[in-house]
Amino acid sequence: MSQLFHRSTNALARASLFGGILILGGLGYLGWVWAHSSYMTGEDIVLPQPVPFSHDHHTAGLGIDCRYCHSSVEESAFAGIPPTQTCMNCHNIMWERQDMLEPVREAWRTGEALRWNRVYDLPDYVYFDHSIHLIKGMGCEVCHGRVDRQPLIRQEASLQMKWCLECHKDPGRFIRPREEVFNFGYRPEGDASALAASLIEKYQVDPGTDCGVCHR
């Protein structure tokens, strides 16, 4: 019986098989890159805001403490968005005629809150408590980066579960004395490992990696 297919068909079949595997692998890699891109995570993205508020100017420039605006950060899960009154405490006497601050003045006149675009927006199925992280010696800088160097606030980290687990698995890399949690640029003096170990014991830090820690 004569051969139905030419010998070259074998080579074509092998090429199709390996080519298909390469294509699927490439698509998988592109999917991974897309899932970890700033387009998906929001990392390093500056969102438009009703007022171009500069953390750099207010913290590093004027020396205003984080807690002046984020007044509930030490006591509750939510750091808090400052009411218009907080802004007007200063801006009723300084920069009171600047056009860029007109939305603030309008909100003050009407009594309606400014509509800020939330930069750090976790999914609804993720529970995060600011207060417990501060109590355990985790500074603002750990999650928010050098806010004192950000003219316009941006999301510093990916906020993906892998990023959170890096700290939960090894909190000693990030822990600092409680009196330093609001200090940007803090660097431990002396033996950093020994200090971290002592703080972990002192603050009873054991974040755990069970799903129920964050997913409630």
N, C-alpha and C. Protein backbone atom coordinates (compact mmCIF):
# COMPACT_ATOMS: atom_id res chain seq x y z
N MET A 1 0.85 -1.20 0.00
CA MET A 1 0.00 0.00 0.00
C MET A 1 0.88 1.25 0.00
N SER A 2 0.58 2.16 -0.87
CA SER A 2 1.39 3.36 -0.98
C SER A 2 1.18 4.28 0.23
N GLN A 3 2.18 5.08 0.55
CA GLN A 3 2.12 6.00 1.69
C GLN A 3 1.17 7.13 1.38
N LEU A 4 0.23 7.40 2.34
CA LEU A 4 -0.80 8.41 2.11
C LEU A 4 -0.24 9.83 2.21
N PHE A 5 0.68 10.06 3.15
CA PHE A 5 1.21 11.39 3.36
C PHE A 5 2.69 11.44 3.00
N HIS A 6 3.11 12.55 2.50
CA HIS A 6 4.50 12.75 2.16
C HIS A 6 5.33 12.81 3.44
N ARG A 7 6.62 12.47 3.34
CA ARG A 7 7.49 12.48 4.51
C ARG A 7 7.54 13.86 5.19
N SER A 8 7.40 14.89 4.41
CA SER A 8 7.47 16.25 4.98
C SER A 8 6.34 16.52 5.97
N THR A 9 5.28 15.70 5.89
CA THR A 9 4.15 15.89 6.81
C THR A 9 4.58 15.65 8.25
N ASN A 10 5.49 14.72 8.47
CA ASN A 10 5.99 14.47 9.83
C ASN A 10 6.66 15.71 10.41
N ALA A 11 7.50 16.34 9.61
CA ALA A 11 8.18 17.55 10.06
C ALA A 11 7.17 18.66 10.33
N LEU A 12 6.15 18.76 9.47
CA LEU A 12 5.13 19.77 9.65
C LEU A 12 4.34 19.54 10.95
N ALA A 13 4.06 18.27 11.25
CA ALA A 13 3.32 17.94 12.47
C ALA A 13 4.14 18.30 13.71
N ARG A 14 5.45 17.95 13.67
CA ARG A 14 6.31 18.29 14.81
C ARG A 14 6.43 19.79 14.98
N ALA A 15 6.56 20.49 13.87
CA ALA A 15 6.67 21.95 13.95
C ALA A 15 5.39 22.56 14.50
N SER A 16 4.24 22.02 14.10
CA SER A 16 2.96 22.53 14.59
C SER A 16 2.83 22.28 16.09
N LEU A 17 3.28 21.10 16.54
CA LEU A 17 3.18 20.76 17.97
C LEU A 17 4.04 21.70 18.81
N PHE A 18 5.31 21.81 18.43
CA PHE A 18 6.21 22.67 19.20
C PHE A 18 5.82 24.15 19.06
N GLY A 19 5.36 24.54 17.88
CA GLY A 19 4.93 25.91 17.67
C GLY A 19 3.73 26.25 18.55
N GLY A 20 2.80 25.30 18.64
CA GLY A 20 1.63 25.52 19.49
C GLY A 20 2.02 25.68 20.95
N ILE A 21 2.98 24.86 21.41
CA ILE A 21 3.45 24.96 22.79
C ILE A 21 4.10 26.32 23.04
N LEU A 22 4.93 26.76 22.08
CA LEU A 22 5.58 28.06 22.22
C LEU A 22 4.57 29.20 22.24
N ILE A 23 3.55 29.09 21.38
CA ILE A 23 2.53 30.14 21.33
C ILE A 23 1.76 30.20 22.65
N LEU A 24 1.37 29.03 23.17
CA LEU A 24 0.65 29.00 24.45
C LEU A 24 1.51 29.54 25.58
N GLY A 25 2.82 29.15 25.55
CA GLY A 25 3.73 29.68 26.57
C GLY A 25 3.87 31.18 26.48
N GLY A 26 3.97 31.68 25.25
CA GLY A 26 4.09 33.12 25.05
C GLY A 26 2.85 33.86 25.50
N LEU A 27 1.69 33.29 25.20
CA LEU A 27 0.44 33.92 25.63
C LEU A 27 0.34 33.93 27.16
N GLY A 28 0.78 32.83 27.79
CA GLY A 28 0.78 32.78 29.25
C GLY A 28 1.69 33.83 29.85
N TYR A 29 2.87 34.00 29.26
CA TYR A 29 3.81 35.01 29.74
C TYR A 29 3.25 36.41 29.56
N LEU A 30 2.64 36.67 28.41
CA LEU A 30 2.05 38.00 28.18
C LEU A 30 0.92 38.26 29.16
N GLY A 31 0.15 37.20 29.48
CA GLY A 31 -0.91 37.35 30.48
C GLY A 31 -0.35 37.69 31.85
N TRP A 32 0.77 37.05 32.21
CA TRP A 32 1.41 37.33 33.50
C TRP A 32 1.92 38.77 33.55
N VAL A 33 2.55 39.22 32.46
CA VAL A 33 3.05 40.59 32.39
C VAL A 33 1.90 41.58 32.49
N TRP A 34 0.80 41.29 31.81
CA TRP A 34 -0.36 42.18 31.83
C TRP A 34 -0.95 42.25 33.23
N ALA A 35 -1.07 41.10 33.91
CA ALA A 35 -1.65 41.07 35.25
C ALA A 35 -0.81 41.83 36.26
N HIS A 36 0.51 41.91 36.04
CA HIS A 36 1.41 42.59 36.96
C HIS A 36 1.79 44.00 36.48
N SER A 37 1.17 44.45 35.41
CA SER A 37 1.49 45.78 34.88
C SER A 37 0.78 46.85 35.70
N SER A 38 1.27 48.08 35.58
CA SER A 38 0.65 49.19 36.29
C SER A 38 -0.77 49.43 35.81
N TYR A 39 -1.08 49.02 34.59
CA TYR A 39 -2.44 49.17 34.07
C TYR A 39 -3.43 48.40 34.93
N MET A 40 -3.00 47.22 35.41
CA MET A 40 -3.87 46.39 36.24
C MET A 40 -3.74 46.72 37.71
N THR A 41 -2.53 46.96 38.19
CA THR A 41 -2.32 47.17 39.62
C THR A 41 -2.51 48.62 40.06
N GLY A 42 -2.34 49.55 39.14
CA GLY A 42 -2.41 50.97 39.49
C GLY A 42 -1.13 51.52 40.06
N GLU A 43 -0.08 50.71 40.10
CA GLU A 43 1.19 51.12 40.68
C GLU A 43 1.80 52.27 39.90
N ASP A 44 2.25 53.30 40.63
CA ASP A 44 2.91 54.48 40.07
C ASP A 44 1.99 55.34 39.20
N ILE A 45 0.69 55.09 39.27
CA ILE A 45 -0.26 55.89 38.50
C ILE A 45 -0.72 57.09 39.34
N VAL A 46 -0.66 58.27 38.76
CA VAL A 46 -1.16 59.49 39.41
C VAL A 46 -2.57 59.76 38.90
N LEU A 47 -3.55 59.71 39.79
CA LEU A 47 -4.94 59.93 39.40
C LEU A 47 -5.28 61.42 39.44
N PRO A 48 -6.16 61.87 38.55
CA PRO A 48 -6.58 63.28 38.59
C PRO A 48 -7.39 63.54 39.86
N GLN A 49 -7.20 64.69 40.47
CA GLN A 49 -7.88 65.06 41.70
C GLN A 49 -8.51 66.44 41.53
N PRO A 50 -9.52 66.74 42.33
CA PRO A 50 -10.15 68.07 42.22
C PRO A 50 -9.19 69.21 42.56
N VAL A 51 -8.18 68.90 43.41
CA VAL A 51 -7.15 69.87 43.77
C VAL A 51 -5.80 69.15 43.72
N PRO A 52 -4.78 69.73 43.09
CA PRO A 52 -3.46 69.08 43.01
C PRO A 52 -2.73 69.16 44.35
N PHE A 53 -3.21 68.41 45.33
CA PHE A 53 -2.63 68.46 46.66
C PHE A 53 -1.24 67.84 46.66
N SER A 54 -0.27 68.54 47.22
CA SER A 54 1.12 68.07 47.24
C SER A 54 1.50 67.60 48.64
N HIS A 55 1.69 66.29 48.80
CA HIS A 55 2.19 65.78 50.07
C HIS A 55 3.62 66.26 50.31
N ASP A 56 4.38 66.34 49.25
CA ASP A 56 5.75 66.84 49.35
C ASP A 56 5.78 68.22 50.01
N HIS A 57 4.97 69.13 49.52
CA HIS A 57 4.94 70.49 50.03
C HIS A 57 4.46 70.54 51.49
N HIS A 58 3.41 69.79 51.79
CA HIS A 58 2.81 69.88 53.11
C HIS A 58 3.60 69.12 54.19
N THR A 59 4.23 68.00 53.83
CA THR A 59 4.97 67.22 54.83
C THR A 59 6.42 67.67 54.93
N ALA A 60 7.17 67.50 53.84
CA ALA A 60 8.59 67.87 53.86
C ALA A 60 8.77 69.39 53.90
N GLY A 61 7.95 70.10 53.13
CA GLY A 61 8.11 71.54 53.05
C GLY A 61 7.64 72.28 54.30
N LEU A 62 6.44 71.95 54.77
CA LEU A 62 5.85 72.67 55.90
C LEU A 62 5.95 71.90 57.22
N GLY A 63 6.34 70.64 57.14
CA GLY A 63 6.50 69.85 58.36
C GLY A 63 5.20 69.45 59.03
N ILE A 64 4.12 69.36 58.26
CA ILE A 64 2.83 68.96 58.83
C ILE A 64 2.81 67.45 59.04
N ASP A 65 2.44 67.03 60.22
CA ASP A 65 2.36 65.62 60.58
C ASP A 65 1.20 64.94 59.85
N CYS A 66 1.41 63.68 59.46
CA CYS A 66 0.37 62.92 58.76
C CYS A 66 -0.96 62.96 59.50
N ARG A 67 -0.89 62.93 60.84
CA ARG A 67 -2.09 62.82 61.66
C ARG A 67 -2.94 64.09 61.66
N TYR A 68 -2.38 65.19 61.20
CA TYR A 68 -3.16 66.42 61.15
C TYR A 68 -4.32 66.26 60.16
N CYS A 69 -4.05 65.61 59.04
CA CYS A 69 -5.09 65.38 58.04
C CYS A 69 -5.74 64.01 58.21
N HIS A 70 -4.92 62.99 58.46
CA HIS A 70 -5.44 61.63 58.62
C HIS A 70 -5.61 61.35 60.11
N SER A 71 -6.60 61.99 60.68
CA SER A 71 -6.74 62.04 62.14
C SER A 71 -7.15 60.73 62.78
N SER A 72 -7.74 59.82 62.02
CA SER A 72 -8.22 58.57 62.61
C SER A 72 -7.27 57.40 62.40
N VAL A 73 -6.10 57.66 61.81
CA VAL A 73 -5.23 56.57 61.39
C VAL A 73 -4.72 55.72 62.56
N GLU A 74 -4.60 56.30 63.75
CA GLU A 74 -4.10 55.56 64.90
C GLU A 74 -5.18 54.80 65.65
N GLU A 75 -6.42 55.04 65.30
CA GLU A 75 -7.52 54.48 66.08
C GLU A 75 -8.48 53.61 65.29
N SER A 76 -8.42 53.65 63.99
CA SER A 76 -9.39 52.90 63.20
C SER A 76 -8.74 52.26 61.99
N ALA A 77 -9.52 51.45 61.30
CA ALA A 77 -9.01 50.78 60.10
C ALA A 77 -8.76 51.79 58.99
N PHE A 78 -9.58 52.82 58.92
CA PHE A 78 -9.50 53.80 57.85
C PHE A 78 -8.67 54.99 58.29
N ALA A 79 -7.75 55.42 57.44
CA ALA A 79 -6.87 56.54 57.80
C ALA A 79 -7.62 57.86 57.88
N GLY A 80 -8.70 57.97 57.13
CA GLY A 80 -9.51 59.18 57.18
C GLY A 80 -9.13 60.20 56.11
N ILE A 81 -10.14 60.80 55.51
CA ILE A 81 -9.95 61.89 54.56
C ILE A 81 -10.28 63.19 55.29
N PRO A 82 -9.41 64.18 55.26
CA PRO A 82 -9.67 65.41 56.02
C PRO A 82 -10.90 66.15 55.51
N PRO A 83 -11.73 66.66 56.42
CA PRO A 83 -12.86 67.49 55.98
C PRO A 83 -12.36 68.82 55.44
N THR A 84 -13.22 69.51 54.74
CA THR A 84 -12.84 70.80 54.16
C THR A 84 -12.38 71.78 55.23
N GLN A 85 -12.95 71.67 56.43
CA GLN A 85 -12.56 72.56 57.53
C GLN A 85 -11.06 72.46 57.80
N THR A 86 -10.49 71.25 57.70
CA THR A 86 -9.05 71.08 57.94
C THR A 86 -8.24 71.88 56.93
N CYS A 87 -8.67 71.85 55.67
CA CYS A 87 -7.97 72.62 54.64
C CYS A 87 -8.10 74.13 54.91
N MET A 88 -9.30 74.53 55.30
CA MET A 88 -9.57 75.95 55.47
C MET A 88 -8.94 76.53 56.73
N ASN A 89 -8.52 75.66 57.64
CA ASN A 89 -7.81 76.17 58.82
C ASN A 89 -6.61 77.01 58.41
N CYS A 90 -5.97 76.61 57.31
CA CYS A 90 -4.82 77.36 56.80
C CYS A 90 -5.21 78.25 55.62
N HIS A 91 -6.03 77.69 54.72
CA HIS A 91 -6.24 78.37 53.44
C HIS A 91 -7.32 79.45 53.47
N ASN A 92 -7.82 79.76 54.64
CA ASN A 92 -8.66 80.96 54.73
C ASN A 92 -7.81 82.21 54.93
N ILE A 93 -6.49 81.98 55.17
CA ILE A 93 -5.59 83.13 55.35
C ILE A 93 -4.36 83.06 54.45
N MET A 94 -4.08 81.90 53.86
CA MET A 94 -2.95 81.80 52.93
C MET A 94 -3.41 81.11 51.65
N TRP A 95 -2.94 81.63 50.54
CA TRP A 95 -3.35 81.17 49.22
C TRP A 95 -4.88 81.19 49.09
N GLU A 96 -5.50 82.14 49.78
CA GLU A 96 -6.95 82.17 49.83
C GLU A 96 -7.60 82.64 48.52
N ARG A 97 -6.77 83.14 47.59
CA ARG A 97 -7.31 83.61 46.31
C ARG A 97 -6.79 82.81 45.12
N GLN A 98 -6.02 81.77 45.37
CA GLN A 98 -5.47 80.98 44.27
C GLN A 98 -6.58 80.21 43.55
N ASP A 99 -6.54 80.24 42.23
CA ASP A 99 -7.57 79.57 41.43
C ASP A 99 -7.61 78.06 41.69
N MET A 100 -6.43 77.46 41.88
CA MET A 100 -6.40 76.00 42.05
C MET A 100 -7.14 75.55 43.32
N LEU A 101 -7.33 76.47 44.26
CA LEU A 101 -8.01 76.12 45.50
C LEU A 101 -9.49 76.50 45.50
N GLU A 102 -9.99 76.92 44.36
CA GLU A 102 -11.40 77.27 44.27
C GLU A 102 -12.32 76.09 44.63
N PRO A 103 -12.00 74.83 44.21
CA PRO A 103 -12.85 73.71 44.62
C PRO A 103 -12.95 73.57 46.14
N VAL A 104 -11.88 73.89 46.85
CA VAL A 104 -11.92 73.83 48.31
C VAL A 104 -12.84 74.90 48.87
N ARG A 105 -12.72 76.10 48.34
CA ARG A 105 -13.57 77.20 48.81
C ARG A 105 -15.04 76.94 48.47
N GLU A 106 -15.28 76.36 47.28
CA GLU A 106 -16.65 76.04 46.88
C GLU A 106 -17.25 74.98 47.80
N ALA A 107 -16.45 73.97 48.14
CA ALA A 107 -16.92 72.94 49.07
C ALA A 107 -17.23 73.53 50.44
N TRP A 108 -16.42 74.49 50.85
CA TRP A 108 -16.63 75.15 52.14
C TRP A 108 -17.92 75.99 52.11
N ARG A 109 -18.18 76.67 50.99
CA ARG A 109 -19.38 77.50 50.90
C ARG A 109 -20.66 76.65 50.86
N THR A 110 -20.60 75.54 50.13
CA THR A 110 -21.80 74.72 49.93
C THR A 110 -21.99 73.66 51.00
N GLY A 111 -20.91 73.34 51.72
CA GLY A 111 -21.01 72.29 52.72
C GLY A 111 -20.91 70.89 52.16
N GLU A 112 -20.57 70.77 50.88
CA GLU A 112 -20.43 69.46 50.24
C GLU A 112 -18.95 69.05 50.23
N ALA A 113 -18.72 67.76 50.45
CA ALA A 113 -17.35 67.26 50.51
C ALA A 113 -16.72 67.22 49.12
N LEU A 114 -15.41 67.42 49.07
CA LEU A 114 -14.67 67.26 47.83
C LEU A 114 -14.68 65.79 47.40
N ARG A 115 -14.78 65.56 46.12
CA ARG A 115 -14.81 64.20 45.59
C ARG A 115 -13.40 63.79 45.15
N TRP A 116 -12.65 63.23 46.10
CA TRP A 116 -11.29 62.79 45.78
C TRP A 116 -11.33 61.43 45.10
N ASN A 117 -10.41 61.19 44.18
CA ASN A 117 -10.24 59.87 43.59
C ASN A 117 -9.32 59.05 44.48
N ARG A 118 -9.82 57.96 44.99
CA ARG A 118 -9.07 57.15 45.94
C ARG A 118 -7.89 56.48 45.26
N VAL A 119 -6.69 56.69 45.79
CA VAL A 119 -5.47 56.15 45.20
C VAL A 119 -5.22 54.73 45.68
N TYR A 120 -5.30 54.52 46.98
CA TYR A 120 -5.10 53.18 47.56
C TYR A 120 -6.46 52.56 47.79
N ASP A 121 -6.92 51.79 46.81
CA ASP A 121 -8.27 51.25 46.85
C ASP A 121 -8.22 49.73 46.79
N LEU A 122 -8.30 49.10 47.96
CA LEU A 122 -8.26 47.64 48.03
C LEU A 122 -9.63 47.07 47.65
N PRO A 123 -9.66 45.84 47.14
CA PRO A 123 -10.96 45.21 46.85
C PRO A 123 -11.80 45.06 48.12
N ASP A 124 -13.10 44.95 47.96
CA ASP A 124 -14.00 44.85 49.10
C ASP A 124 -13.75 43.59 49.93
N TYR A 125 -13.18 42.56 49.31
CA TYR A 125 -12.96 41.31 50.05
C TYR A 125 -11.65 41.29 50.83
N VAL A 126 -10.93 42.42 50.83
CA VAL A 126 -9.67 42.52 51.57
C VAL A 126 -9.87 43.44 52.76
N TYR A 127 -9.51 42.96 53.94
CA TYR A 127 -9.61 43.77 55.15
C TYR A 127 -8.23 44.27 55.54
N PHE A 128 -8.10 45.58 55.68
CA PHE A 128 -6.84 46.18 56.11
C PHE A 128 -7.12 47.19 57.20
N ASP A 129 -6.38 47.10 58.30
CA ASP A 129 -6.57 47.99 59.44
C ASP A 129 -5.32 48.83 59.64
N HIS A 130 -5.43 50.14 59.43
CA HIS A 130 -4.28 51.02 59.60
C HIS A 130 -3.77 50.99 61.04
N SER A 131 -4.69 51.06 61.99
CA SER A 131 -4.28 51.22 63.39
C SER A 131 -3.42 50.06 63.89
N ILE A 132 -3.78 48.84 63.56
CA ILE A 132 -3.02 47.69 64.08
C ILE A 132 -1.62 47.66 63.47
N HIS A 133 -1.49 48.10 62.22
CA HIS A 133 -0.17 48.12 61.60
C HIS A 133 0.74 49.15 62.27
N LEU A 134 0.18 50.30 62.64
CA LEU A 134 0.97 51.31 63.35
C LEU A 134 1.36 50.82 64.74
N ILE A 135 0.43 50.17 65.42
CA ILE A 135 0.70 49.64 66.76
C ILE A 135 1.84 48.61 66.71
N LYS A 136 1.88 47.86 65.63
CA LYS A 136 2.91 46.82 65.49
C LYS A 136 4.22 47.36 64.91
N GLY A 137 4.32 48.67 64.75
CA GLY A 137 5.58 49.27 64.32
C GLY A 137 5.81 49.34 62.83
N MET A 138 4.74 49.36 62.06
CA MET A 138 4.85 49.49 60.61
C MET A 138 4.59 50.95 60.22
N GLY A 139 5.59 51.62 59.71
CA GLY A 139 5.47 53.03 59.37
C GLY A 139 4.67 53.27 58.11
N CYS A 140 4.20 54.50 57.95
CA CYS A 140 3.47 54.89 56.74
C CYS A 140 4.29 54.58 55.49
N GLU A 141 5.60 54.78 55.61
CA GLU A 141 6.50 54.62 54.47
C GLU A 141 6.52 53.19 53.95
N VAL A 142 6.24 52.20 54.80
CA VAL A 142 6.28 50.80 54.39
C VAL A 142 5.33 50.55 53.23
N CYS A 143 4.13 51.12 53.31
CA CYS A 143 3.14 50.90 52.25
C CYS A 143 3.06 52.07 51.26
N HIS A 144 3.21 53.28 51.78
CA HIS A 144 2.99 54.46 50.95
C HIS A 144 4.27 55.05 50.36
N GLY A 145 5.43 54.51 50.73
CA GLY A 145 6.68 55.02 50.19
C GLY A 145 7.01 56.40 50.74
N ARG A 146 7.94 57.06 50.08
CA ARG A 146 8.38 58.39 50.51
C ARG A 146 7.36 59.44 50.07
N VAL A 147 6.25 59.47 50.79
CA VAL A 147 5.20 60.45 50.50
C VAL A 147 5.74 61.86 50.56
N ASP A 148 6.75 62.07 51.42
CA ASP A 148 7.33 63.40 51.56
C ASP A 148 8.10 63.83 50.31
N ARG A 149 8.22 62.96 49.33
CA ARG A 149 8.88 63.29 48.07
C ARG A 149 7.93 63.20 46.88
N GLN A 150 6.64 63.14 47.15
CA GLN A 150 5.66 62.99 46.09
C GLN A 150 4.84 64.28 45.93
N PRO A 151 5.14 65.08 44.93
CA PRO A 151 4.34 66.29 44.70
C PRO A 151 2.87 65.94 44.47
N LEU A 152 2.63 64.86 43.73
CA LEU A 152 1.28 64.33 43.54
C LEU A 152 1.29 62.88 44.00
N ILE A 153 0.34 62.52 44.84
CA ILE A 153 0.33 61.19 45.44
C ILE A 153 0.12 60.12 44.38
N ARG A 154 0.81 59.02 44.53
CA ARG A 154 0.66 57.89 43.62
C ARG A 154 0.68 56.60 44.44
N GLN A 155 0.17 55.55 43.85
CA GLN A 155 0.20 54.25 44.52
C GLN A 155 1.62 53.70 44.42
N GLU A 156 2.26 53.56 45.56
CA GLU A 156 3.67 53.19 45.60
C GLU A 156 3.91 51.72 45.29
N ALA A 157 2.99 50.84 45.71
CA ALA A 157 3.18 49.39 45.58
C ALA A 157 2.05 48.78 44.76
N SER A 158 2.22 47.52 44.40
CA SER A 158 1.22 46.84 43.57
C SER A 158 -0.07 46.54 44.33
N LEU A 159 0.03 46.38 45.67
CA LEU A 159 -1.09 45.99 46.53
C LEU A 159 -1.60 44.58 46.24
N GLN A 160 -0.85 43.82 45.46
CA GLN A 160 -1.23 42.44 45.22
C GLN A 160 -0.91 41.58 46.45
N MET A 161 -1.55 40.41 46.52
CA MET A 161 -1.40 39.57 47.70
C MET A 161 0.05 39.18 47.93
N LYS A 162 0.78 38.95 46.88
CA LYS A 162 2.20 38.58 47.00
C LYS A 162 2.96 39.67 47.73
N TRP A 163 2.66 40.92 47.43
CA TRP A 163 3.34 42.05 48.08
C TRP A 163 3.03 42.08 49.57
N CYS A 164 1.77 41.88 49.93
CA CYS A 164 1.39 41.86 51.34
C CYS A 164 2.09 40.72 52.08
N LEU A 165 2.16 39.55 51.46
CA LEU A 165 2.74 38.39 52.12
C LEU A 165 4.24 38.54 52.36
N GLU A 166 4.91 39.34 51.53
CA GLU A 166 6.34 39.57 51.75
C GLU A 166 6.59 40.16 53.13
N CYS A 167 5.70 41.01 53.59
CA CYS A 167 5.83 41.62 54.92
C CYS A 167 5.32 40.68 56.00
N HIS A 168 4.23 40.00 55.73
CA HIS A 168 3.66 39.09 56.74
C HIS A 168 4.60 37.92 57.03
N LYS A 169 5.35 37.51 56.02
CA LYS A 169 6.28 36.40 56.22
C LYS A 169 7.57 36.85 56.91
N ASP A 170 7.95 38.09 56.70
CA ASP A 170 9.21 38.59 57.26
C ASP A 170 9.04 40.04 57.72
N PRO A 171 8.28 40.27 58.79
CA PRO A 171 8.03 41.64 59.25
C PRO A 171 9.27 42.34 59.78
N GLY A 172 10.31 41.57 60.12
CA GLY A 172 11.53 42.18 60.65
C GLY A 172 12.21 43.11 59.67
N ARG A 173 11.95 42.94 58.39
CA ARG A 173 12.55 43.81 57.38
C ARG A 173 11.95 45.21 57.40
N PHE A 174 10.77 45.35 57.98
CA PHE A 174 10.05 46.62 57.87
C PHE A 174 9.73 47.27 59.22
N ILE A 175 9.82 46.52 60.29
CA ILE A 175 9.39 47.03 61.59
C ILE A 175 10.31 48.15 62.07
N ARG A 176 9.74 49.07 62.84
CA ARG A 176 10.50 50.19 63.40
C ARG A 176 9.87 50.55 64.75
N PRO A 177 10.56 51.31 65.59
CA PRO A 177 9.97 51.75 66.85
C PRO A 177 8.70 52.56 66.60
N ARG A 178 7.74 52.45 67.49
CA ARG A 178 6.46 53.14 67.30
C ARG A 178 6.62 54.64 67.16
N GLU A 179 7.60 55.19 67.85
CA GLU A 179 7.79 56.64 67.77
C GLU A 179 8.35 57.07 66.41
N GLU A 180 8.69 56.10 65.57
CA GLU A 180 9.25 56.42 64.25
C GLU A 180 8.30 56.10 63.10
N VAL A 181 7.07 55.68 63.40
CA VAL A 181 6.19 55.23 62.32
C VAL A 181 5.80 56.37 61.37
N PHE A 182 5.81 57.61 61.85
CA PHE A 182 5.46 58.74 61.00
C PHE A 182 6.69 59.48 60.47
N ASN A 183 7.86 58.88 60.69
CA ASN A 183 9.11 59.51 60.28
C ASN A 183 9.56 58.94 58.94
N PHE A 184 9.48 59.74 57.89
CA PHE A 184 9.92 59.29 56.57
C PHE A 184 11.44 59.34 56.49
N GLY A 185 12.00 58.31 55.88
CA GLY A 185 13.45 58.23 55.76
C GLY A 185 14.12 57.61 56.97
N TYR A 186 13.35 57.00 57.87
CA TYR A 186 13.94 56.38 59.06
C TYR A 186 14.88 55.24 58.68
N ARG A 187 16.03 55.21 59.33
CA ARG A 187 16.98 54.10 59.18
C ARG A 187 17.46 53.71 60.57
N PRO A 188 17.40 52.43 60.91
CA PRO A 188 17.82 52.00 62.25
C PRO A 188 19.31 52.19 62.47
N GLU A 189 19.68 52.49 63.69
CA GLU A 189 21.09 52.62 64.06
C GLU A 189 21.57 51.33 64.71
N GLY A 190 22.83 51.02 64.50
CA GLY A 190 23.39 49.82 65.14
C GLY A 190 22.96 48.55 64.43
N ASP A 191 22.76 47.49 65.21
CA ASP A 191 22.42 46.17 64.67
C ASP A 191 20.93 46.13 64.33
N ALA A 192 20.63 46.26 63.04
CA ALA A 192 19.23 46.31 62.60
C ALA A 192 18.51 45.00 62.89
N SER A 193 19.20 43.87 62.72
CA SER A 193 18.57 42.56 62.94
C SER A 193 18.19 42.38 64.40
N ALA A 194 19.09 42.78 65.30
CA ALA A 194 18.81 42.65 66.73
C ALA A 194 17.66 43.56 67.13
N LEU A 195 17.63 44.78 66.58
CA LEU A 195 16.55 45.70 66.89
C LEU A 195 15.22 45.14 66.40
N ALA A 196 15.22 44.61 65.19
CA ALA A 196 13.98 44.05 64.64
C ALA A 196 13.47 42.90 65.50
N ALA A 197 14.37 42.02 65.91
CA ALA A 197 13.97 40.89 66.74
C ALA A 197 13.38 41.35 68.07
N SER A 198 14.00 42.36 68.66
CA SER A 198 13.50 42.85 69.95
C SER A 198 12.15 43.53 69.81
N LEU A 199 11.95 44.26 68.69
CA LEU A 199 10.67 44.94 68.47
C LEU A 199 9.56 43.93 68.18
N ILE A 200 9.89 42.89 67.43
CA ILE A 200 8.90 41.85 67.14
C ILE A 200 8.42 41.20 68.44
N GLU A 201 9.35 40.96 69.35
CA GLU A 201 8.98 40.38 70.64
C GLU A 201 8.22 41.39 71.50
N LYS A 202 8.69 42.62 71.52
CA LYS A 202 8.08 43.65 72.35
C LYS A 202 6.65 43.96 71.91
N TYR A 203 6.43 44.06 70.59
CA TYR A 203 5.12 44.41 70.07
C TYR A 203 4.26 43.18 69.78
N GLN A 204 4.81 42.00 70.04
CA GLN A 204 4.09 40.73 69.83
C GLN A 204 3.59 40.63 68.38
N VAL A 205 4.53 40.78 67.48
CA VAL A 205 4.19 40.77 66.05
C VAL A 205 4.16 39.34 65.53
N ASP A 206 3.00 38.91 65.09
CA ASP A 206 2.82 37.59 64.50
C ASP A 206 1.66 37.69 63.51
N PRO A 207 1.90 38.32 62.35
CA PRO A 207 0.79 38.64 61.44
C PRO A 207 0.11 37.42 60.84
N GLY A 208 0.87 36.34 60.64
CA GLY A 208 0.27 35.14 60.06
C GLY A 208 0.01 35.29 58.57
N THR A 209 -0.14 34.15 57.93
CA THR A 209 -0.41 34.14 56.48
C THR A 209 -1.67 33.36 56.14
N ASP A 210 -2.48 33.05 57.14
CA ASP A 210 -3.75 32.37 56.88
C ASP A 210 -4.68 33.29 56.09
N CYS A 211 -5.53 32.72 55.27
CA CYS A 211 -6.43 33.52 54.45
C CYS A 211 -7.30 34.44 55.29
N GLY A 212 -7.75 33.92 56.47
CA GLY A 212 -8.67 34.67 57.30
C GLY A 212 -8.07 35.93 57.91
N VAL A 213 -6.76 36.09 57.85
CA VAL A 213 -6.13 37.30 58.39
C VAL A 213 -6.60 38.54 57.63
N CYS A 214 -6.69 38.42 56.33
CA CYS A 214 -7.06 39.57 55.49
C CYS A 214 -8.42 39.41 54.80
N HIS A 215 -8.82 38.17 54.56
CA HIS A 215 -10.08 37.92 53.84
C HIS A 215 -11.14 37.50 54.85
N ARG A 216 -12.05 38.42 55.16
CA ARG A 216 -13.05 38.16 56.20
C ARG A 216 -14.46 38.28 55.66
